[in-house]
């Protein structure tokens, strides 16, 4: 159950973070789907920067 729940809401959350990131946007939205880890790291870095 946890996997399904995390997969569904987790996808849009990462996309939102990437959307805010200009670097990820340059590569395109496909990069996020292809490399979900990249999005996660980007979100972490953003949190640290803030």
PDB file of N, CA and C in Angstrom:
ATOM      1  N   UNK A   1       0.850  -1.204   0.000  1.00  0.00           N
ATOM      2  CA  UNK A   1       0.000   0.000   0.000  1.00  0.00           C
ATOM      3  C   UNK A   1       0.883   1.251   0.000  1.00  0.00           C
ATOM      4  N   UNK A   2       1.953   1.200   0.759  1.00  0.00           N
ATOM      5  CA  UNK A   2       2.831   2.377   0.839  1.00  0.00           C
ATOM      6  C   UNK A   2       3.421   2.692  -0.527  1.00  0.00           C
ATOM      7  N   UNK A   3       3.866   1.656  -1.245  1.00  0.00           N
ATOM      8  CA  UNK A   3       4.472   1.881  -2.563  1.00  0.00           C
ATOM      9  C   UNK A   3       3.505   2.636  -3.478  1.00  0.00           C
ATOM     10  N   UNK A   4       2.263   2.155  -3.533  1.00  0.00           N
ATOM     11  CA  UNK A   4       1.277   2.789  -4.421  1.00  0.00           C
ATOM     12  C   UNK A   4       1.056   4.246  -4.013  1.00  0.00           C
ATOM     13  N   UNK A   5       0.892   4.466  -2.722  1.00  0.00           N
ATOM     14  CA  UNK A   5       0.629   5.831  -2.227  1.00  0.00           C
ATOM     15  C   UNK A   5       1.799   6.745  -2.553  1.00  0.00           C
ATOM     16  N   UNK A   6       3.002   6.264  -2.339  1.00  0.00           N
ATOM     17  CA  UNK A   6       4.187   7.102  -2.587  1.00  0.00           C
ATOM     18  C   UNK A   6       4.350   7.359  -4.077  1.00  0.00           C
ATOM     19  N   UNK A   7       4.077   6.348  -4.883  1.00  0.00           N
ATOM     20  CA  UNK A   7       4.259   6.489  -6.336  1.00  0.00           C
ATOM     21  C   UNK A   7       3.302   7.545  -6.900  1.00  0.00           C
ATOM     22  N   UNK A   8       2.054   7.494  -6.492  1.00  0.00           N
ATOM     23  CA  UNK A   8       1.057   8.418  -7.051  1.00  0.00           C
ATOM     24  C   UNK A   8       1.362   9.872  -6.665  1.00  0.00           C
ATOM     25  N   UNK A   9       1.372  10.224  -5.383  1.00  0.00           N
ATOM     26  CA  UNK A   9       1.611  11.621  -4.986  1.00  0.00           C
ATOM     27  C   UNK A   9       3.071  12.029  -5.159  1.00  0.00           C
ATOM     28  N   UNK A  10       3.965  11.061  -5.117  1.00  0.00           N
ATOM     29  CA  UNK A  10       5.394  11.393  -5.230  1.00  0.00           C
ATOM     30  C   UNK A  10       5.733  11.956  -6.600  1.00  0.00           C
ATOM     31  N   UNK A  11       5.112  11.422  -7.638  1.00  0.00           N
ATOM     32  CA  UNK A  11       5.450  11.876  -9.004  1.00  0.00           C
ATOM     33  C   UNK A  11       5.174  13.370  -9.195  1.00  0.00           C
ATOM     34  N   UNK A  12       3.973  13.848  -8.915  1.00  0.00           N
ATOM     35  CA  UNK A  12       3.679  15.273  -9.130  1.00  0.00           C
ATOM     36  C   UNK A  12       4.520  16.177  -8.247  1.00  0.00           C
ATOM     37  N   UNK A  13       4.805  15.723  -7.037  1.00  0.00           N
ATOM     38  CA  UNK A  13       5.591  16.551  -6.110  1.00  0.00           C
ATOM     39  C   UNK A  13       6.954  16.843  -6.711  1.00  0.00           C
ATOM     40  N   UNK A  14       7.607  15.785  -7.222  1.00  0.00           N
ATOM     41  CA  UNK A  14       8.946  15.992  -7.805  1.00  0.00           C
ATOM     42  C   UNK A  14       8.855  16.897  -9.020  1.00  0.00           C
ATOM     43  N   UNK A  15       7.827  16.679  -9.829  1.00  0.00           N
ATOM     44  CA  UNK A  15       7.668  17.495 -11.047  1.00  0.00           C
ATOM     45  C   UNK A  15       7.542  18.967 -10.660  1.00  0.00           C
ATOM     46  N   UNK A  16       6.768  19.236  -9.610  1.00  0.00           N
ATOM     47  CA  UNK A  16       6.590  20.636  -9.186  1.00  0.00           C
ATOM     48  C   UNK A  16       7.934  21.246  -8.830  1.00  0.00           C
ATOM     49  N   UNK A  17       8.715  20.507  -8.051  1.00  0.00           N
ATOM     50  CA  UNK A  17      10.031  21.039  -7.640  1.00  0.00           C
ATOM     51  C   UNK A  17      10.902  21.304  -8.860  1.00  0.00           C
ATOM     52  N   UNK A  18      10.890  20.361  -9.786  1.00  0.00           N
ATOM     53  CA  UNK A  18      11.717  20.513 -10.993  1.00  0.00           C
ATOM     54  C   UNK A  18      11.236  21.716 -11.797  1.00  0.00           C
ATOM     55  N   UNK A  19       9.933  21.901 -11.867  1.00  0.00           N
ATOM     56  CA  UNK A  19       9.375  23.014 -12.638  1.00  0.00           C
ATOM     57  C   UNK A  19       9.955  24.335 -12.114  1.00  0.00           C
ATOM     58  N   UNK A  20      10.101  24.431 -10.811  1.00  0.00           N
ATOM     59  CA  UNK A  20      10.633  25.661 -10.214  1.00  0.00           C
ATOM     60  C   UNK A  20      12.115  25.812 -10.543  1.00  0.00           C
ATOM     61  N   UNK A  21      12.771  24.681 -10.789  1.00  0.00           N
ATOM     62  CA  UNK A  21      14.218  24.738 -11.070  1.00  0.00           C
ATOM     63  C   UNK A  21      14.456  25.063 -12.547  1.00  0.00           C
ATOM     64  N   UNK A  22      15.162  26.159 -12.845  1.00  0.00           N
ATOM     65  CA  UNK A  22      15.440  26.548 -14.236  1.00  0.00           C
ATOM     66  C   UNK A  22      16.394  25.562 -14.911  1.00  0.00           C
ATOM     67  N   UNK A  23      17.318  24.987 -14.148  1.00  0.00           N
ATOM     68  CA  UNK A  23      18.297  24.055 -14.713  1.00  0.00           C
ATOM     69  C   UNK A  23      17.565  22.821 -15.253  1.00  0.00           C
ATOM     70  N   UNK A  24      16.680  22.242 -14.419  1.00  0.00           N
ATOM     71  CA  UNK A  24      15.956  21.042 -14.853  1.00  0.00           C
ATOM     72  C   UNK A  24      15.047  21.368 -16.036  1.00  0.00           C
ATOM     73  N   UNK A  25      14.407  22.539 -16.013  1.00  0.00           N
ATOM     74  CA  UNK A  25      13.500  22.922 -17.089  1.00  0.00           C
ATOM     75  C   UNK A  25      14.254  22.969 -18.409  1.00  0.00           C
ATOM     76  N   UNK A  26      15.498  23.421 -18.362  1.00  0.00           N
ATOM     77  CA  UNK A  26      16.302  23.520 -19.582  1.00  0.00           C
ATOM     78  C   UNK A  26      16.404  22.135 -20.236  1.00  0.00           C
ATOM     79  N   UNK A  27      16.633  21.126 -19.419  1.00  0.00           N
ATOM     80  CA  UNK A  27      16.767  19.763 -19.958  1.00  0.00           C
ATOM     81  C   UNK A  27      15.418  19.259 -20.453  1.00  0.00           C
ATOM     82  N   UNK A  28      14.351  19.718 -19.853  1.00  0.00           N
ATOM     83  CA  UNK A  28      13.019  19.299 -20.272  1.00  0.00           C
ATOM     84  C   UNK A  28      12.351  18.442 -19.204  1.00  0.00           C
ATOM     85  N   UNK A  29      11.032  18.337 -19.262  1.00  0.00           N
ATOM     86  CA  UNK A  29      10.282  17.560 -18.267  1.00  0.00           C
ATOM     87  C   UNK A  29      10.580  16.068 -18.365  1.00  0.00           C
ATOM     88  N   UNK A  30      11.006  15.636 -19.552  1.00  0.00           N
ATOM     89  CA  UNK A  30      11.299  14.205 -19.722  1.00  0.00           C
ATOM     90  C   UNK A  30      12.475  13.786 -18.847  1.00  0.00           C
ATOM     91  N   UNK A  31      13.399  14.712 -18.639  1.00  0.00           N
ATOM     92  CA  UNK A  31      14.585  14.395 -17.837  1.00  0.00           C
ATOM     93  C   UNK A  31      14.135  13.956 -16.445  1.00  0.00           C
ATOM     94  N   UNK A  32      13.083  14.601 -15.919  1.00  0.00           N
ATOM     95  CA  UNK A  32      12.604  14.257 -14.577  1.00  0.00           C
ATOM     96  C   UNK A  32      12.108  12.810 -14.545  1.00  0.00           C
ATOM     97  N   UNK A  33      11.337  12.442 -15.543  1.00  0.00           N
ATOM     98  CA  UNK A  33      10.786  11.082 -15.568  1.00  0.00           C
ATOM     99  C   UNK A  33      11.914  10.070 -15.767  1.00  0.00           C
ATOM    100  N   UNK A  34      12.870  10.431 -16.620  1.00  0.00           N
ATOM    101  CA  UNK A  34      13.971   9.514 -16.905  1.00  0.00           C
ATOM    102  C   UNK A  34      14.880   9.389 -15.685  1.00  0.00           C
ATOM    103  N   UNK A  35      15.122  10.506 -14.996  1.00  0.00           N
ATOM    104  CA  UNK A  35      16.000  10.489 -13.819  1.00  0.00           C
ATOM    105  C   UNK A  35      15.273  11.054 -12.610  1.00  0.00           C
ATOM    106  N   UNK A  36      14.470  10.233 -11.943  1.00  0.00           N
ATOM    107  CA  UNK A  36      13.731  10.705 -10.763  1.00  0.00           C
ATOM    108  C   UNK A  36      14.688  11.118  -9.655  1.00  0.00           C
ATOM    109  N   UNK A  37      15.845  10.457  -9.582  1.00  0.00           N
ATOM    110  CA  UNK A  37      16.814  10.797  -8.532  1.00  0.00           C
ATOM    111  C   UNK A  37      17.260  12.245  -8.679  1.00  0.00           C
ATOM    112  N   UNK A  38      17.456  12.687  -9.918  1.00  0.00           N
ATOM    113  CA  UNK A  38      17.887  14.065 -10.173  1.00  0.00           C
ATOM    114  C   UNK A  38      16.901  15.035  -9.529  1.00  0.00           C
ATOM    115  N   UNK A  39      15.628  14.763  -9.725  1.00  0.00           N
ATOM    116  CA  UNK A  39      14.592  15.640  -9.174  1.00  0.00           C
ATOM    117  C   UNK A  39      14.680  15.656  -7.655  1.00  0.00           C
ATOM    118  N   UNK A  40      14.886  14.482  -7.069  1.00  0.00           N
ATOM    119  CA  UNK A  40      14.969  14.389  -5.610  1.00  0.00           C
ATOM    120  C   UNK A  40      16.141  15.213  -5.107  1.00  0.00           C
ATOM    121  N   UNK A  41      17.298  15.054  -5.745  1.00  0.00           N
ATOM    122  CA  UNK A  41      18.479  15.803  -5.316  1.00  0.00           C
ATOM    123  C   UNK A  41      18.238  17.297  -5.472  1.00  0.00           C
ATOM    124  N   UNK A  42      17.605  17.676  -6.580  1.00  0.00           N
ATOM    125  CA  UNK A  42      17.322  19.094  -6.831  1.00  0.00           C
ATOM    126  C   UNK A  42      16.440  19.647  -5.715  1.00  0.00           C
ATOM    127  N   UNK A  43      15.435  18.886  -5.324  1.00  0.00           N
ATOM    128  CA  UNK A  43      14.531  19.338  -4.265  1.00  0.00           C
ATOM    129  C   UNK A  43      15.302  19.498  -2.962  1.00  0.00           C
ATOM    130  N   UNK A  44      16.185  18.562  -2.677  1.00  0.00           N
ATOM    131  CA  UNK A  44      16.978  18.633  -1.442  1.00  0.00           C
ATOM    132  C   UNK A  44      17.868  19.878  -1.473  1.00  0.00           C
ATOM    133  N   UNK A  45      18.515  20.097  -2.603  1.00  0.00           N
ATOM    134  CA  UNK A  45      19.399  21.259  -2.715  1.00  0.00           C
ATOM    135  C   UNK A  45      18.593  22.544  -2.529  1.00  0.00           C
ATOM    136  N   UNK A  46      17.412  22.594  -3.141  1.00  0.00           N
ATOM    137  CA  UNK A  46      16.564  23.776  -3.024  1.00  0.00           C
ATOM    138  C   UNK A  46      16.241  24.027  -1.549  1.00  0.00           C
ATOM    139  N   UNK A  47      15.898  22.971  -0.821  1.00  0.00           N
ATOM    140  CA  UNK A  47      15.572  23.101   0.597  1.00  0.00           C
ATOM    141  C   UNK A  47      16.771  23.660   1.361  1.00  0.00           C
ATOM    142  N   UNK A  48      17.950  23.127   1.055  1.00  0.00           N
ATOM    143  CA  UNK A  48      19.163  23.599   1.725  1.00  0.00           C
ATOM    144  C   UNK A  48      19.405  25.067   1.421  1.00  0.00           C
ATOM    145  N   UNK A  49      19.264  25.437   0.150  1.00  0.00           N
ATOM    146  CA  UNK A  49      19.498  26.822  -0.265  1.00  0.00           C
ATOM    147  C   UNK A  49      18.555  27.746   0.496  1.00  0.00           C
ATOM    148  N   UNK A  50      17.291  27.332   0.596  1.00  0.00           N
ATOM    149  CA  UNK A  50      16.310  28.159   1.285  1.00  0.00           C
ATOM    150  C   UNK A  50      16.729  28.312   2.743  1.00  0.00           C
TER     151      UNK A  50
END
